[in-house]
């Protein structure tokens, strides 16, 4: 199945995995509504829907840590988006380069051996 347009969920949201286009590092998982998706495509910078604040946000609008969009790809079901970017600073609000910086060790590291 090939698609050109995303399929938003029942809440009107689309999960967006943001990845550094140069290093391949996953920076964050955020959500887009239709407006955020359209603004991201038209502006070339990431925009998201904040589920906690219930509002649209432009990544880097206050911090300066914008993300320049290099490429956007829908998954095979058109219900998730990969956004490859060139970040101008940390992705995480904590100041970390990536939101994925909390290591969770496996309970049994030998379970799959």
PDB file of N, CA and C in Angstrom:
ATOM      1  N   UNK A   1       0.836  -1.173   0.000  1.00  0.00           N
ATOM      2  CA  UNK A   1       0.000   0.000   0.000  1.00  0.00           C
ATOM      3  C   UNK A   1       0.886   1.244   0.000  1.00  0.00           C
ATOM      4  N   UNK A   2       0.631   2.144  -0.875  1.00  0.00           N
ATOM      5  CA  UNK A   2       1.370   3.392  -0.949  1.00  0.00           C
ATOM      6  C   UNK A   2       0.413   4.534  -0.640  1.00  0.00           C
ATOM      7  N   UNK A   3       0.915   5.546   0.045  1.00  0.00           N
ATOM      8  CA  UNK A   3       0.050   6.673   0.388  1.00  0.00           C
ATOM      9  C   UNK A   3       0.836   7.971   0.335  1.00  0.00           C
ATOM     10  N   UNK A   4       0.129   9.035   0.193  1.00  0.00           N
ATOM     11  CA  UNK A   4       0.735  10.359   0.164  1.00  0.00           C
ATOM     12  C   UNK A   4       0.296  11.212   1.355  1.00  0.00           C
ATOM     13  N   UNK A   5      -0.827  10.841   1.964  1.00  0.00           N
ATOM     14  CA  UNK A   5      -1.386  11.614   3.071  1.00  0.00           C
ATOM     15  C   UNK A   5      -1.458  10.760   4.334  1.00  0.00           C
ATOM     16  N   UNK A   6      -1.203  11.362   5.487  1.00  0.00           N
ATOM     17  CA  UNK A   6      -1.249  10.604   6.736  1.00  0.00           C
ATOM     18  C   UNK A   6      -2.663  10.268   7.173  1.00  0.00           C
ATOM     19  N   UNK A   7      -2.754   9.208   7.968  1.00  0.00           N
ATOM     20  CA  UNK A   7      -4.020   8.818   8.592  1.00  0.00           C
ATOM     21  C   UNK A   7      -3.914   9.169  10.074  1.00  0.00           C
ATOM     22  N   UNK A   8      -4.613  10.218  10.478  1.00  0.00           N
ATOM     23  CA  UNK A   8      -4.603  10.654  11.866  1.00  0.00           C
ATOM     24  C   UNK A   8      -5.494   9.730  12.688  1.00  0.00           C
ATOM     25  N   UNK A   9      -5.174   9.559  13.983  1.00  0.00           N
ATOM     26  CA  UNK A   9      -5.964   8.672  14.839  1.00  0.00           C
ATOM     27  C   UNK A   9      -7.290   9.321  15.224  1.00  0.00           C
ATOM     28  N   UNK A  10      -8.052   8.647  16.077  1.00  0.00           N
ATOM     29  CA  UNK A  10      -9.380   9.127  16.484  1.00  0.00           C
ATOM     30  C   UNK A  10      -9.322  10.478  17.191  1.00  0.00           C
ATOM     31  N   UNK A  11      -8.168  10.823  17.767  1.00  0.00           N
ATOM     32  CA  UNK A  11      -7.980  12.120  18.421  1.00  0.00           C
ATOM     33  C   UNK A  11      -7.417  13.167  17.476  1.00  0.00           C
ATOM     34  N   UNK A  12      -7.269  12.787  16.199  1.00  0.00           N
ATOM     35  CA  UNK A  12      -6.729  13.717  15.215  1.00  0.00           C
ATOM     36  C   UNK A  12      -5.229  13.881  15.290  1.00  0.00           C
ATOM     37  N   UNK A  13      -4.539  12.872  15.832  1.00  0.00           N
ATOM     38  CA  UNK A  13      -3.089  12.973  16.025  1.00  0.00           C
ATOM     39  C   UNK A  13      -2.331  11.911  15.234  1.00  0.00           C
ATOM     40  N   UNK A  14      -1.092  12.246  14.932  1.00  0.00           N
ATOM     41  CA  UNK A  14      -0.179  11.383  14.185  1.00  0.00           C
ATOM     42  C   UNK A  14       1.135  11.337  14.955  1.00  0.00           C
ATOM     43  N   UNK A  15       1.610  10.155  15.401  1.00  0.00           N
ATOM     44  CA  UNK A  15       2.909  10.101  16.059  1.00  0.00           C
ATOM     45  C   UNK A  15       4.015  10.421  15.056  1.00  0.00           C
ATOM     46  N   UNK A  16       4.959  11.252  15.506  1.00  0.00           N
ATOM     47  CA  UNK A  16       6.071  11.668  14.648  1.00  0.00           C
ATOM     48  C   UNK A  16       7.386  11.361  15.356  1.00  0.00           C
ATOM     49  N   UNK A  17       8.152  10.463  14.775  1.00  0.00           N
ATOM     50  CA  UNK A  17       9.483  10.141  15.286  1.00  0.00           C
ATOM     51  C   UNK A  17      10.451  11.106  14.618  1.00  0.00           C
ATOM     52  N   UNK A  18      11.191  11.863  15.434  1.00  0.00           N
ATOM     53  CA  UNK A  18      12.125  12.841  14.897  1.00  0.00           C
ATOM     54  C   UNK A  18      13.537  12.279  15.028  1.00  0.00           C
ATOM     55  N   UNK A  19      14.251  12.255  13.904  1.00  0.00           N
ATOM     56  CA  UNK A  19      15.575  11.639  13.829  1.00  0.00           C
ATOM     57  C   UNK A  19      16.569  12.636  13.255  1.00  0.00           C
ATOM     58  N   UNK A  20      17.772  12.666  13.806  1.00  0.00           N
ATOM     59  CA  UNK A  20      18.848  13.496  13.262  1.00  0.00           C
ATOM     60  C   UNK A  20      19.237  12.926  11.895  1.00  0.00           C
ATOM     61  N   UNK A  21      19.128  13.721  10.854  1.00  0.00           N
ATOM     62  CA  UNK A  21      19.389  13.264   9.484  1.00  0.00           C
ATOM     63  C   UNK A  21      20.853  12.903   9.267  1.00  0.00           C
ATOM     64  N   UNK A  22      21.748  13.494  10.037  1.00  0.00           N
ATOM     65  CA  UNK A  22      23.175  13.234   9.845  1.00  0.00           C
ATOM     66  C   UNK A  22      23.694  12.050  10.659  1.00  0.00           C
ATOM     67  N   UNK A  23      23.218  11.908  11.898  1.00  0.00           N
ATOM     68  CA  UNK A  23      23.751  10.858  12.772  1.00  0.00           C
ATOM     69  C   UNK A  23      22.847   9.636  12.876  1.00  0.00           C
ATOM     70  N   UNK A  24      21.560   9.786  12.543  1.00  0.00           N
ATOM     71  CA  UNK A  24      20.611   8.696  12.687  1.00  0.00           C
ATOM     72  C   UNK A  24      20.042   8.580  14.092  1.00  0.00           C
ATOM     73  N   UNK A  25      20.506   9.406  15.020  1.00  0.00           N
ATOM     74  CA  UNK A  25      20.019   9.351  16.398  1.00  0.00           C
ATOM     75  C   UNK A  25      18.552   9.774  16.468  1.00  0.00           C
ATOM     76  N   UNK A  26      17.748   8.996  17.202  1.00  0.00           N
ATOM     77  CA  UNK A  26      16.355   9.359  17.428  1.00  0.00           C
ATOM     78  C   UNK A  26      16.337  10.477  18.464  1.00  0.00           C
ATOM     79  N   UNK A  27      15.706  11.589  18.126  1.00  0.00           N
ATOM     80  CA  UNK A  27      15.703  12.755  18.997  1.00  0.00           C
ATOM     81  C   UNK A  27      14.486  12.824  19.901  1.00  0.00           C
ATOM     82  N   UNK A  28      13.327  12.516  19.355  1.00  0.00           N
ATOM     83  CA  UNK A  28      12.104  12.594  20.148  1.00  0.00           C
ATOM     84  C   UNK A  28      10.959  11.870  19.459  1.00  0.00           C
ATOM     85  N   UNK A  29       9.922  11.640  20.218  1.00  0.00           N
ATOM     86  CA  UNK A  29       8.644  11.181  19.690  1.00  0.00           C
ATOM     87  C   UNK A  29       7.641  12.251  20.096  1.00  0.00           C
ATOM     88  N   UNK A  30       7.003  12.850  19.134  1.00  0.00           N
ATOM     89  CA  UNK A  30       6.014  13.891  19.395  1.00  0.00           C
ATOM     90  C   UNK A  30       4.789  13.597  18.547  1.00  0.00           C
ATOM     91  N   UNK A  31       3.793  14.446  18.650  1.00  0.00           N
ATOM     92  CA  UNK A  31       2.548  14.234  17.909  1.00  0.00           C
ATOM     93  C   UNK A  31       2.227  15.459  17.076  1.00  0.00           C
ATOM     94  N   UNK A  32       1.651  15.210  15.919  1.00  0.00           N
ATOM     95  CA  UNK A  32       1.202  16.275  15.034  1.00  0.00           C
ATOM     96  C   UNK A  32      -0.294  16.129  14.812  1.00  0.00           C
ATOM     97  N   UNK A  33      -0.986  17.256  14.794  1.00  0.00           N
ATOM     98  CA  UNK A  33      -2.345  17.257  14.278  1.00  0.00           C
ATOM     99  C   UNK A  33      -2.243  17.753  12.834  1.00  0.00           C
ATOM    100  N   UNK A  34      -3.360  17.913  12.163  1.00  0.00           N
ATOM    101  CA  UNK A  34      -3.319  18.316  10.750  1.00  0.00           C
ATOM    102  C   UNK A  34      -2.612  19.656  10.572  1.00  0.00           C
ATOM    103  N   UNK A  35      -2.885  20.609  11.461  1.00  0.00           N
ATOM    104  CA  UNK A  35      -2.263  21.933  11.352  1.00  0.00           C
ATOM    105  C   UNK A  35      -0.754  21.845  11.543  1.00  0.00           C
ATOM    106  N   UNK A  36      -0.304  21.113  12.543  1.00  0.00           N
ATOM    107  CA  UNK A  36       1.129  20.957  12.781  1.00  0.00           C
ATOM    108  C   UNK A  36       1.809  20.286  11.589  1.00  0.00           C
ATOM    109  N   UNK A  37       1.157  19.276  11.039  1.00  0.00           N
ATOM    110  CA  UNK A  37       1.680  18.580   9.859  1.00  0.00           C
ATOM    111  C   UNK A  37       1.810  19.549   8.686  1.00  0.00           C
ATOM    112  N   UNK A  38       0.767  20.312   8.436  1.00  0.00           N
ATOM    113  CA  UNK A  38       0.786  21.266   7.318  1.00  0.00           C
ATOM    114  C   UNK A  38       1.849  22.346   7.527  1.00  0.00           C
ATOM    115  N   UNK A  39       1.960  22.868   8.751  1.00  0.00           N
ATOM    116  CA  UNK A  39       2.965  23.900   9.038  1.00  0.00           C
ATOM    117  C   UNK A  39       4.380  23.357   8.895  1.00  0.00           C
ATOM    118  N   UNK A  40       4.587  22.119   9.332  1.00  0.00           N
ATOM    119  CA  UNK A  40       5.903  21.494   9.191  1.00  0.00           C
ATOM    120  C   UNK A  40       6.274  21.372   7.715  1.00  0.00           C
ATOM    121  N   UNK A  41       5.337  20.923   6.913  1.00  0.00           N
ATOM    122  CA  UNK A  41       5.602  20.781   5.471  1.00  0.00           C
ATOM    123  C   UNK A  41       5.862  22.134   4.813  1.00  0.00           C
ATOM    124  N   UNK A  42       5.064  23.135   5.152  1.00  0.00           N
ATOM    125  CA  UNK A  42       5.177  24.429   4.455  1.00  0.00           C
ATOM    126  C   UNK A  42       6.337  25.287   4.964  1.00  0.00           C
ATOM    127  N   UNK A  43       6.693  25.161   6.235  1.00  0.00           N
ATOM    128  CA  UNK A  43       7.741  26.018   6.799  1.00  0.00           C
ATOM    129  C   UNK A  43       9.128  25.402   6.743  1.00  0.00           C
ATOM    130  N   UNK A  44       9.196  24.062   6.688  1.00  0.00           N
ATOM    131  CA  UNK A  44      10.497  23.390   6.705  1.00  0.00           C
ATOM    132  C   UNK A  44      11.089  23.278   8.098  1.00  0.00           C
ATOM    133  N   UNK A  45      10.289  23.590   9.133  1.00  0.00           N
ATOM    134  CA  UNK A  45      10.689  23.424  10.529  1.00  0.00           C
ATOM    135  C   UNK A  45       9.590  22.643  11.242  1.00  0.00           C
ATOM    136  N   UNK A  46       9.972  21.923  12.307  1.00  0.00           N
ATOM    137  CA  UNK A  46       8.990  21.080  12.972  1.00  0.00           C
ATOM    138  C   UNK A  46       8.008  21.874  13.829  1.00  0.00           C
ATOM    139  N   UNK A  47       6.756  21.449  13.754  1.00  0.00           N
ATOM    140  CA  UNK A  47       5.656  21.944  14.573  1.00  0.00           C
ATOM    141  C   UNK A  47       4.936  20.714  15.114  1.00  0.00           C
ATOM    142  N   UNK A  48       4.450  20.807  16.336  1.00  0.00           N
ATOM    143  CA  UNK A  48       3.807  19.666  16.968  1.00  0.00           C
ATOM    144  C   UNK A  48       2.555  20.100  17.714  1.00  0.00           C
ATOM    145  N   UNK A  49       1.785  19.117  18.137  1.00  0.00           N
ATOM    146  CA  UNK A  49       0.636  19.351  19.005  1.00  0.00           C
ATOM    147  C   UNK A  49       1.016  18.853  20.392  1.00  0.00           C
ATOM    148  N   UNK A  50       0.977  19.736  21.373  1.00  0.00           N
ATOM    149  CA  UNK A  50       1.265  19.357  22.750  1.00  0.00           C
ATOM    150  C   UNK A  50       0.012  18.774  23.381  1.00  0.00           C
ATOM    151  N   UNK A  51       0.086  17.494  23.724  1.00  0.00           N
ATOM    152  CA  UNK A  51      -1.062  16.843  24.359  1.00  0.00           C
ATOM    153  C   UNK A  51      -1.248  17.336  25.790  1.00  0.00           C
ATOM    154  N   UNK A  52      -0.161  17.684  26.477  1.00  0.00           N
ATOM    155  CA  UNK A  52      -0.273  18.136  27.867  1.00  0.00           C
ATOM    156  C   UNK A  52      -0.780  19.582  27.963  1.00  0.00           C
ATOM    157  N   UNK A  53      -0.357  20.422  27.033  1.00  0.00           N
ATOM    158  CA  UNK A  53      -0.794  21.829  27.054  1.00  0.00           C
ATOM    159  C   UNK A  53      -1.993  22.075  26.151  1.00  0.00           C
ATOM    160  N   UNK A  54      -2.308  21.084  25.335  1.00  0.00           N
ATOM    161  CA  UNK A  54      -3.428  21.188  24.406  1.00  0.00           C
ATOM    162  C   UNK A  54      -3.279  22.397  23.481  1.00  0.00           C
ATOM    163  N   UNK A  55      -2.067  22.497  22.894  1.00  0.00           N
ATOM    164  CA  UNK A  55      -1.806  23.623  22.000  1.00  0.00           C
ATOM    165  C   UNK A  55      -0.715  23.279  20.991  1.00  0.00           C
ATOM    166  N   UNK A  56      -0.717  24.021  19.914  1.00  0.00           N
ATOM    167  CA  UNK A  56       0.294  23.895  18.872  1.00  0.00           C
ATOM    168  C   UNK A  56       1.604  24.494  19.367  1.00  0.00           C
ATOM    169  N   UNK A  57       2.730  23.870  19.019  1.00  0.00           N
ATOM    170  CA  UNK A  57       4.018  24.472  19.341  1.00  0.00           C
ATOM    171  C   UNK A  57       5.014  24.280  18.210  1.00  0.00           C
ATOM    172  N   UNK A  58       5.807  25.306  18.009  1.00  0.00           N
ATOM    173  CA  UNK A  58       6.876  25.325  17.008  1.00  0.00           C
ATOM    174  C   UNK A  58       8.162  25.015  17.751  1.00  0.00           C
ATOM    175  N   UNK A  59       8.784  23.889  17.452  1.00  0.00           N
ATOM    176  CA  UNK A  59      10.003  23.477  18.145  1.00  0.00           C
ATOM    177  C   UNK A  59      11.074  24.549  17.956  1.00  0.00           C
ATOM    178  N   UNK A  60      11.557  25.080  19.074  1.00  0.00           N
ATOM    179  CA  UNK A  60      12.609  26.084  19.043  1.00  0.00           C
ATOM    180  C   UNK A  60      12.119  27.521  19.050  1.00  0.00           C
ATOM    181  N   UNK A  61      10.818  27.740  19.070  1.00  0.00           N
ATOM    182  CA  UNK A  61      10.281  29.103  19.039  1.00  0.00           C
ATOM    183  C   UNK A  61      10.788  29.938  20.211  1.00  0.00           C
ATOM    184  N   UNK A  62      10.918  29.335  21.385  1.00  0.00           N
ATOM    185  CA  UNK A  62      11.414  30.078  22.540  1.00  0.00           C
ATOM    186  C   UNK A  62      12.877  29.763  22.852  1.00  0.00           C
ATOM    187  N   UNK A  63      13.311  28.535  22.602  1.00  0.00           N
ATOM    188  CA  UNK A  63      14.683  28.127  22.935  1.00  0.00           C
ATOM    189  C   UNK A  63      15.690  28.428  21.834  1.00  0.00           C
ATOM    190  N   UNK A  64      15.212  28.571  20.607  1.00  0.00           N
ATOM    191  CA  UNK A  64      16.116  28.725  19.467  1.00  0.00           C
ATOM    192  C   UNK A  64      16.592  27.398  18.905  1.00  0.00           C
ATOM    193  N   UNK A  65      16.205  26.287  19.544  1.00  0.00           N
ATOM    194  CA  UNK A  65      16.635  24.953  19.119  1.00  0.00           C
ATOM    195  C   UNK A  65      15.693  24.393  18.054  1.00  0.00           C
ATOM    196  N   UNK A  66      15.638  25.079  16.931  1.00  0.00           N
ATOM    197  CA  UNK A  66      14.750  24.655  15.849  1.00  0.00           C
ATOM    198  C   UNK A  66      15.258  23.371  15.210  1.00  0.00           C
ATOM    199  N   UNK A  67      14.394  22.750  14.447  1.00  0.00           N
ATOM    200  CA  UNK A  67      14.739  21.543  13.698  1.00  0.00           C
ATOM    201  C   UNK A  67      14.375  21.795  12.238  1.00  0.00           C
ATOM    202  N   UNK A  68      15.378  21.776  11.380  1.00  0.00           N
ATOM    203  CA  UNK A  68      15.185  21.978   9.946  1.00  0.00           C
ATOM    204  C   UNK A  68      14.851  20.628   9.307  1.00  0.00           C
ATOM    205  N   UNK A  69      13.716  20.557   8.659  1.00  0.00           N
ATOM    206  CA  UNK A  69      13.255  19.302   8.070  1.00  0.00           C
ATOM    207  C   UNK A  69      14.029  18.994   6.792  1.00  0.00           C
ATOM    208  N   UNK A  70      14.582  17.790   6.742  1.00  0.00           N
ATOM    209  CA  UNK A  70      15.298  17.297   5.568  1.00  0.00           C
ATOM    210  C   UNK A  70      14.380  16.398   4.748  1.00  0.00           C
ATOM    211  N   UNK A  71      13.590  15.570   5.452  1.00  0.00           N
ATOM    212  CA  UNK A  71      12.755  14.584   4.767  1.00  0.00           C
ATOM    213  C   UNK A  71      11.665  14.106   5.719  1.00  0.00           C
ATOM    214  N   UNK A  72      10.505  13.797   5.158  1.00  0.00           N
ATOM    215  CA  UNK A  72       9.413  13.210   5.930  1.00  0.00           C
ATOM    216  C   UNK A  72       8.954  11.946   5.215  1.00  0.00           C
ATOM    217  N   UNK A  73       8.757  10.864   5.987  1.00  0.00           N
ATOM    218  CA  UNK A  73       8.323   9.591   5.417  1.00  0.00           C
ATOM    219  C   UNK A  73       7.193   9.018   6.254  1.00  0.00           C
ATOM    220  N   UNK A  74       6.129   8.606   5.600  1.00  0.00           N
ATOM    221  CA  UNK A  74       5.042   7.904   6.277  1.00  0.00           C
ATOM    222  C   UNK A  74       5.375   6.426   6.352  1.00  0.00           C
ATOM    223  N   UNK A  75       4.924   5.762   7.395  1.00  0.00           N
ATOM    224  CA  UNK A  75       5.134   4.318   7.494  1.00  0.00           C
ATOM    225  C   UNK A  75       4.175   3.587   6.551  1.00  0.00           C
ATOM    226  N   UNK A  76       4.252   2.268   6.544  1.00  0.00           N
ATOM    227  CA  UNK A  76       3.486   1.455   5.597  1.00  0.00           C
ATOM    228  C   UNK A  76       1.977   1.580   5.762  1.00  0.00           C
ATOM    229  N   UNK A  77       1.506   1.913   6.959  1.00  0.00           N
ATOM    230  CA  UNK A  77       0.071   2.084   7.193  1.00  0.00           C
ATOM    231  C   UNK A  77      -0.363   3.547   7.143  1.00  0.00           C
ATOM    232  N   UNK A  78       0.588   4.433   6.900  1.00  0.00           N
ATOM    233  CA  UNK A  78       0.341   5.880   6.807  1.00  0.00           C
ATOM    234  C   UNK A  78      -0.164   6.476   8.119  1.00  0.00           C
ATOM    235  N   UNK A  79       0.120   5.790   9.241  1.00  0.00           N
ATOM    236  CA  UNK A  79      -0.364   6.307  10.517  1.00  0.00           C
ATOM    237  C   UNK A  79       0.753   6.652  11.504  1.00  0.00           C
ATOM    238  N   UNK A  80       1.977   6.762  10.995  1.00  0.00           N
ATOM    239  CA  UNK A  80       3.122   7.231  11.777  1.00  0.00           C
ATOM    240  C   UNK A  80       4.082   7.912  10.806  1.00  0.00           C
ATOM    241  N   UNK A  81       4.799   8.889  11.327  1.00  0.00           N
ATOM    242  CA  UNK A  81       5.656   9.715  10.483  1.00  0.00           C
ATOM    243  C   UNK A  81       7.082   9.709  11.011  1.00  0.00           C
ATOM    244  N   UNK A  82       8.038   9.567  10.109  1.00  0.00           N
ATOM    245  CA  UNK A  82       9.454   9.744  10.421  1.00  0.00           C
ATOM    246  C   UNK A  82       9.864  11.090   9.852  1.00  0.00           C
ATOM    247  N   UNK A  83      10.382  11.950  10.728  1.00  0.00           N
ATOM    248  CA  UNK A  83      10.813  13.281  10.305  1.00  0.00           C
ATOM    249  C   UNK A  83      12.318  13.357  10.515  1.00  0.00           C
ATOM    250  N   UNK A  84      13.055  13.417   9.424  1.00  0.00           N
ATOM    251  CA  UNK A  84      14.518  13.523   9.496  1.00  0.00           C
ATOM    252  C   UNK A  84      14.867  15.005   9.467  1.00  0.00           C
ATOM    253  N   UNK A  85      15.660  15.445  10.466  1.00  0.00           N
ATOM    254  CA  UNK A  85      15.935  16.876  10.650  1.00  0.00           C
ATOM    255  C   UNK A  85      17.418  17.153  10.846  1.00  0.00           C
ATOM    256  N   UNK A  86      17.758  18.416  10.724  1.00  0.00           N
ATOM    257  CA  UNK A  86      19.058  18.926  11.158  1.00  0.00           C
ATOM    258  C   UNK A  86      18.758  19.849  12.338  1.00  0.00           C
ATOM    259  N   UNK A  87      19.075  19.389  13.552  1.00  0.00           N
ATOM    260  CA  UNK A  87      18.743  20.174  14.741  1.00  0.00           C
ATOM    261  C   UNK A  87      19.727  21.315  14.967  1.00  0.00           C
ATOM    262  N   UNK A  88      19.202  22.443  15.457  1.00  0.00           N
ATOM    263  CA  UNK A  88      20.041  23.589  15.813  1.00  0.00           C
ATOM    264  C   UNK A  88      20.093  23.686  17.330  1.00  0.00           C
ATOM    265  N   UNK A  89      20.494  22.608  17.969  1.00  0.00           N
ATOM    266  CA  UNK A  89      20.550  22.551  19.422  1.00  0.00           C
ATOM    267  C   UNK A  89      19.872  21.307  19.937  1.00  0.00           C
ATOM    268  N   UNK A  90      19.814  21.169  21.265  1.00  0.00           N
ATOM    269  CA  UNK A  90      19.224  19.974  21.865  1.00  0.00           C
ATOM    270  C   UNK A  90      17.751  19.812  21.529  1.00  0.00           C
ATOM    271  N   UNK A  91      17.309  18.564  21.430  1.00  0.00           N
ATOM    272  CA  UNK A  91      15.903  18.275  21.147  1.00  0.00           C
ATOM    273  C   UNK A  91      15.065  18.270  22.415  1.00  0.00           C
ATOM    274  N   UNK A  92      15.676  17.890  23.537  1.00  0.00           N
ATOM    275  CA  UNK A  92      14.929  17.707  24.778  1.00  0.00           C
ATOM    276  C   UNK A  92      14.850  18.992  25.596  1.00  0.00           C
ATOM    277  N   UNK A  93      13.714  19.191  26.250  1.00  0.00           N
ATOM    278  CA  UNK A  93      13.536  20.371  27.100  1.00  0.00           C
ATOM    279  C   UNK A  93      14.471  20.360  28.311  1.00  0.00           C
ATOM    280  N   UNK A  94      15.090  19.199  28.604  1.00  0.00           N
ATOM    281  CA  UNK A  94      16.038  19.104  29.722  1.00  0.00           C
ATOM    282  C   UNK A  94      17.433  19.592  29.336  1.00  0.00           C
ATOM    283  N   UNK A  95      17.623  19.853  28.035  1.00  0.00           N
ATOM    284  CA  UNK A  95      18.935  20.258  27.548  1.00  0.00           C
ATOM    285  C   UNK A  95      19.741  19.114  26.961  1.00  0.00           C
ATOM    286  N   UNK A  96      19.213  17.891  27.059  1.00  0.00           N
ATOM    287  CA  UNK A  96      19.879  16.733  26.462  1.00  0.00           C
ATOM    288  C   UNK A  96      19.704  16.779  24.943  1.00  0.00           C
ATOM    289  N   UNK A  97      20.643  16.218  24.228  1.00  0.00           N
ATOM    290  CA  UNK A  97      20.577  16.194  22.761  1.00  0.00           C
ATOM    291  C   UNK A  97      19.350  15.437  22.269  1.00  0.00           C
ATOM    292  N   UNK A  98      18.969  14.394  23.006  1.00  0.00           N
ATOM    293  CA  UNK A  98      17.830  13.556  22.643  1.00  0.00           C
ATOM    294  C   UNK A  98      16.920  13.380  23.853  1.00  0.00           C
ATOM    295  N   UNK A  99      15.653  13.179  23.603  1.00  0.00           N
ATOM    296  CA  UNK A  99      14.717  12.892  24.696  1.00  0.00           C
ATOM    297  C   UNK A  99      14.913  11.475  25.226  1.00  0.00           C
ATOM    298  N   UNK A 100      15.594  10.629  24.451  1.00  0.00           N
ATOM    299  CA  UNK A 100      15.822   9.236  24.840  1.00  0.00           C
ATOM    300  C   UNK A 100      17.187   9.098  25.506  1.00  0.00           C
ATOM    301  N   UNK A 101      17.282   9.576  26.755  1.00  0.00           N
ATOM    302  CA  UNK A 101      18.545   9.519  27.484  1.00  0.00           C
ATOM    303  C   UNK A 101      18.433   8.768  28.807  1.00  0.00           C
ATOM    304  N   UNK A 102      17.276   8.188  29.080  1.00  0.00           N
ATOM    305  CA  UNK A 102      17.068   7.423  30.314  1.00  0.00           C
ATOM    306  C   UNK A 102      17.179   5.928  30.021  1.00  0.00           C
ATOM    307  N   UNK A 103      18.306   5.344  30.368  1.00  0.00           N
ATOM    308  CA  UNK A 103      18.563   3.933  30.090  1.00  0.00           C
ATOM    309  C   UNK A 103      17.746   3.043  31.016  1.00  0.00           C
ATOM    310  N   UNK A 104      17.048   2.089  30.443  1.00  0.00           N
ATOM    311  CA  UNK A 104      16.278   1.101  31.209  1.00  0.00           C
ATOM    312  C   UNK A 104      16.920  -0.262  30.949  1.00  0.00           C
ATOM    313  N   UNK A 105      17.678  -0.758  31.907  1.00  0.00           N
ATOM    314  CA  UNK A 105      18.329  -2.060  31.689  1.00  0.00           C
ATOM    315  C   UNK A 105      17.310  -3.194  31.708  1.00  0.00           C
ATOM    316  N   UNK A 106      17.555  -4.255  30.952  1.00  0.00           N
ATOM    317  CA  UNK A 106      16.641  -5.399  30.961  1.00  0.00           C
ATOM    318  C   UNK A 106      16.668  -6.075  32.339  1.00  0.00           C
ATOM    319  N   UNK A 107      15.533  -6.631  32.734  1.00  0.00           N
ATOM    320  CA  UNK A 107      15.477  -7.342  34.014  1.00  0.00           C
ATOM    321  C   UNK A 107      16.352  -8.578  33.990  1.00  0.00           C
ATOM    322  N   UNK A 108      16.358  -9.290  32.859  1.00  0.00           N
ATOM    323  CA  UNK A 108      17.174 -10.484  32.705  1.00  0.00           C
ATOM    324  C   UNK A 108      17.945 -10.336  31.394  1.00  0.00           C
ATOM    325  N   UNK A 109      19.174  -9.869  31.462  1.00  0.00           N
ATOM    326  CA  UNK A 109      19.935  -9.615  30.221  1.00  0.00           C
ATOM    327  C   UNK A 109      20.224 -10.868  29.401  1.00  0.00           C
ATOM    328  N   UNK A 110      20.019 -12.051  29.982  1.00  0.00           N
ATOM    329  CA  UNK A 110      20.324 -13.302  29.276  1.00  0.00           C
ATOM    330  C   UNK A 110      19.058 -14.036  28.825  1.00  0.00           C
ATOM    331  N   UNK A 111      17.912 -13.406  28.947  1.00  0.00           N
ATOM    332  CA  UNK A 111      16.629 -14.059  28.636  1.00  0.00           C
ATOM    333  C   UNK A 111      16.527 -14.468  27.168  1.00  0.00           C
ATOM    334  N   UNK A 112      17.133 -13.713  26.264  1.00  0.00           N
ATOM    335  CA  UNK A 112      17.028 -13.986  24.830  1.00  0.00           C
ATOM    336  C   UNK A 112      18.254 -14.711  24.291  1.00  0.00           C
ATOM    337  N   UNK A 113      19.094 -15.224  25.143  1.00  0.00           N
ATOM    338  CA  UNK A 113      20.317 -15.904  24.690  1.00  0.00           C
ATOM    339  C   UNK A 113      20.055 -17.329  24.328  1.00  0.00           C
TER     340      UNK A 113
END
